[in-house]
Amino acid sequence: MHIDIEKLSLEELLELNRRVVRRIDYLHGLKTRAHLDRFEPGDKVSFQSDGHAVQGVVVRVNSKTLSIRTKDTHWNIHPRFVTKLPEAGGEAPPVIGEVESRRDLRE
C-alpha cells in the first residue's frame, strides 16, 4: 500500500498519525501481553537494578507490569526485564545441545 502523504491535507495527516499511533500501541500491547503470559503469581524471578541482580517472587500479573516482592521491597517491572528462575529442587531446563546429546544416547 502506497500513500502519497504530500497530497494529504493537515486534517488527513493528523488522522493518519492517530491511526498509526493506535496501531503501534496495539502491537506493543500484544508483545507485552506475550511477555506477561510467561509468568504467574508465585514464580521466582530475577532482574537487574543498578547493575545488581535482584531476586523476588511474582505477586501479581498486572496489565503492563509484574508486581514483584523482594526481601526488602515491592517492585512493578515490565516483564521484558524479568527472568524466570528455575524452581528450587527442580532441574533447570536443558540447553539445546544437551537435548541433542540425550537424543543421541537413546538411539
C-alpha atoms as a PDB file:
ATOM      1  CA  MET A   1       0.000   0.000   0.000  1.00  0.00           C
ATOM      2  CA  HIS A   2       1.437   3.342  -1.032  1.00  0.00           C
ATOM      3  CA  ILE A   3       0.108   6.625   0.338  1.00  0.00           C
ATOM      4  CA  ASP A   4       1.378   9.871  -1.146  1.00  0.00           C
ATOM      5  CA  ILE A   5       1.434  11.987   2.004  1.00  0.00           C
ATOM      6  CA  GLU A   6       2.399  15.072   0.013  1.00  0.00           C
ATOM      7  CA  LYS A   7      -1.192  15.237  -1.266  1.00  0.00           C
ATOM      8  CA  LEU A   8      -2.836  14.901   2.154  1.00  0.00           C
ATOM      9  CA  SER A   9      -4.329  17.884   3.976  1.00  0.00           C
ATOM     10  CA  LEU A  10      -3.393  18.730   7.557  1.00  0.00           C
ATOM     11  CA  GLU A  11      -6.577  17.071   8.868  1.00  0.00           C
ATOM     12  CA  GLU A  12      -5.871  13.915   6.852  1.00  0.00           C
ATOM     13  CA  LEU A  13      -2.271  13.821   8.113  1.00  0.00           C
ATOM     14  CA  LEU A  14      -3.434  14.191  11.714  1.00  0.00           C
ATOM     15  CA  GLU A  15      -5.949  11.370  11.265  1.00  0.00           C
ATOM     16  CA  LEU A  16      -3.287   9.190   9.658  1.00  0.00           C
ATOM     17  CA  ASN A  17      -0.968   9.942  12.581  1.00  0.00           C
ATOM     18  CA  ARG A  18      -3.659   8.961  15.122  1.00  0.00           C
ATOM     19  CA  ARG A  19      -4.261   5.687  13.291  1.00  0.00           C
ATOM     20  CA  VAL A  20      -0.530   4.907  13.091  1.00  0.00           C
ATOM     21  CA  VAL A  21      -0.035   5.627  16.800  1.00  0.00           C
ATOM     22  CA  ARG A  22      -3.075   3.477  17.689  1.00  0.00           C
ATOM     23  CA  ARG A  23      -1.679   0.600  15.617  1.00  0.00           C
ATOM     24  CA  ILE A  24       1.778   0.890  17.182  1.00  0.00           C
ATOM     25  CA  ASP A  25       0.246   0.928  20.675  1.00  0.00           C
ATOM     26  CA  TYR A  26      -1.827  -2.144  19.799  1.00  0.00           C
ATOM     27  CA  LEU A  27       1.232  -4.068  18.540  1.00  0.00           C
ATOM     28  CA  HIS A  28       3.251  -3.093  21.629  1.00  0.00           C
ATOM     29  CA  GLY A  29       0.347  -4.281  23.768  1.00  0.00           C
ATOM     30  CA  LEU A  30       0.375  -7.672  22.046  1.00  0.00           C
ATOM     31  CA  LYS A  31       4.099  -8.030  22.646  1.00  0.00           C
ATOM     32  CA  THR A  32       3.753  -7.011  26.304  1.00  0.00           C
ATOM     33  CA  ARG A  33       0.891  -9.492  26.773  1.00  0.00           C
ATOM     34  CA  ALA A  34       3.044 -12.273  25.288  1.00  0.00           C
ATOM     35  CA  HIS A  35       5.805 -11.430  27.804  1.00  0.00           C
ATOM     36  CA  LEU A  36       3.308 -11.304  30.684  1.00  0.00           C
ATOM     37  CA  ASP A  37       1.785 -14.661  29.754  1.00  0.00           C
ATOM     38  CA  ARG A  38       5.083 -16.388  30.616  1.00  0.00           C
ATOM     39  CA  PHE A  39       4.637 -15.520  34.301  1.00  0.00           C
ATOM     40  CA  GLU A  40       2.164 -16.308  37.046  1.00  0.00           C
ATOM     41  CA  PRO A  41       1.962 -15.468  40.740  1.00  0.00           C
ATOM     42  CA  GLY A  42       4.436 -17.483  42.785  1.00  0.00           C
ATOM     43  CA  ASP A  43       7.125 -17.609  40.080  1.00  0.00           C
ATOM     44  CA  LYS A  44      10.622 -16.910  41.355  1.00  0.00           C
ATOM     45  CA  VAL A  45      12.258 -14.246  39.174  1.00  0.00           C
ATOM     46  CA  SER A  46      15.370 -12.145  38.795  1.00  0.00           C
ATOM     47  CA  PHE A  47      16.038  -8.690  37.340  1.00  0.00           C
ATOM     48  CA  GLN A  48      18.787  -6.062  37.324  1.00  0.00           C
ATOM     49  CA  SER A  49      18.710  -2.908  39.441  1.00  0.00           C
ATOM     50  CA  ASP A  50      21.671  -0.523  39.464  1.00  0.00           C
ATOM     51  CA  GLY A  51      23.834  -3.257  37.955  1.00  0.00           C
ATOM     52  CA  HIS A  52      22.983  -5.814  40.636  1.00  0.00           C
ATOM     53  CA  ALA A  53      20.849  -8.929  40.309  1.00  0.00           C
ATOM     54  CA  VAL A  54      17.699  -8.790  42.432  1.00  0.00           C
ATOM     55  CA  GLN A  55      15.584 -11.872  43.143  1.00  0.00           C
ATOM     56  CA  GLY A  56      11.959 -11.925  44.117  1.00  0.00           C
ATOM     57  CA  VAL A  57       8.574 -13.575  43.694  1.00  0.00           C
ATOM     58  CA  VAL A  58       5.798 -12.548  41.313  1.00  0.00           C
ATOM     59  CA  VAL A  59       2.856 -11.421  43.433  1.00  0.00           C
ATOM     60  CA  ARG A  60       0.566 -10.258  40.639  1.00  0.00           C
ATOM     61  CA  VAL A  61       0.475 -10.061  36.848  1.00  0.00           C
ATOM     62  CA  ASN A  62      -0.815  -6.575  36.009  1.00  0.00           C
ATOM     63  CA  SER A  63      -1.931  -5.307  32.601  1.00  0.00           C
ATOM     64  CA  LYS A  64       1.548  -3.988  31.694  1.00  0.00           C
ATOM     65  CA  THR A  65       3.876  -4.963  34.534  1.00  0.00           C
ATOM     66  CA  LEU A  66       4.677  -7.673  37.036  1.00  0.00           C
ATOM     67  CA  SER A  67       4.325  -6.928  40.752  1.00  0.00           C
ATOM     68  CA  ILE A  68       7.354  -8.480  42.399  1.00  0.00           C
ATOM     69  CA  ARG A  69       8.056  -8.819  46.112  1.00  0.00           C
ATOM     70  CA  THR A  70      11.703  -8.969  47.145  1.00  0.00           C
ATOM     71  CA  LYS A  71      13.227  -9.411  50.566  1.00  0.00           C
ATOM     72  CA  ASP A  72      13.313  -5.643  51.093  1.00  0.00           C
ATOM     73  CA  THR A  73      10.595  -4.036  48.974  1.00  0.00           C
ATOM     74  CA  HIS A  74       7.972  -4.262  46.231  1.00  0.00           C
ATOM     75  CA  TRP A  75       8.586  -3.583  42.507  1.00  0.00           C
ATOM     76  CA  ASN A  76       6.425  -3.109  39.402  1.00  0.00           C
ATOM     77  CA  ILE A  77       8.558  -4.067  36.401  1.00  0.00           C
ATOM     78  CA  HIS A  78       7.906  -4.613  32.691  1.00  0.00           C
ATOM     79  CA  PRO A  79       8.217  -8.358  32.019  1.00  0.00           C
ATOM     80  CA  ARG A  80      10.813  -7.769  29.290  1.00  0.00           C
ATOM     81  CA  PHE A  81      13.347  -7.050  32.063  1.00  0.00           C
ATOM     82  CA  VAL A  82      12.486 -10.072  34.217  1.00  0.00           C
ATOM     83  CA  THR A  83      13.903 -13.595  34.020  1.00  0.00           C
ATOM     84  CA  LYS A  84      12.067 -16.571  35.479  1.00  0.00           C
ATOM     85  CA  LEU A  85      14.294 -18.659  37.749  1.00  0.00           C
ATOM     86  CA  PRO A  86      14.194 -22.463  37.750  1.00  0.00           C
ATOM     87  CA  GLU A  87      12.172 -23.989  40.566  1.00  0.00           C
ATOM     88  CA  ALA A  88      14.178 -24.882  43.672  1.00  0.00           C
ATOM     89  CA  GLY A  89      14.720 -28.610  43.768  1.00  0.00           C
ATOM     90  CA  GLY A  90      13.640 -28.855  40.148  1.00  0.00           C
ATOM     91  CA  GLU A  91      16.032 -29.393  37.313  1.00  0.00           C
ATOM     92  CA  ALA A  92      16.974 -26.381  35.205  1.00  0.00           C
ATOM     93  CA  PRO A  93      15.691 -26.559  31.629  1.00  0.00           C
ATOM     94  CA  PRO A  94      18.204 -28.357  29.420  1.00  0.00           C
ATOM     95  CA  VAL A  95      20.325 -26.477  26.928  1.00  0.00           C
ATOM     96  CA  ILE A  96      19.635 -27.326  23.253  1.00  0.00           C
ATOM     97  CA  GLY A  97      22.967 -29.148  22.915  1.00  0.00           C
ATOM     98  CA  GLU A  98      22.120 -31.299  25.946  1.00  0.00           C
ATOM     99  CA  VAL A  99      18.777 -32.255  24.405  1.00  0.00           C
ATOM    100  CA  GLU A 100      20.538 -33.344  21.221  1.00  0.00           C
ATOM    101  CA  SER A 101      23.111 -35.341  23.251  1.00  0.00           C
ATOM    102  CA  ARG A 102      20.377 -37.112  25.207  1.00  0.00           C
ATOM    103  CA  ARG A 103      18.583 -37.995  21.987  1.00  0.00           C
ATOM    104  CA  ASP A 104      21.811 -39.494  20.575  1.00  0.00           C
ATOM    105  CA  LEU A 105      22.245 -41.645  23.692  1.00  0.00           C
ATOM    106  CA  ARG A 106      18.745 -43.111  23.388  1.00  0.00           C
ATOM    107  CA  GLU A 107      19.175 -44.094  19.747  1.00  0.00           C
END
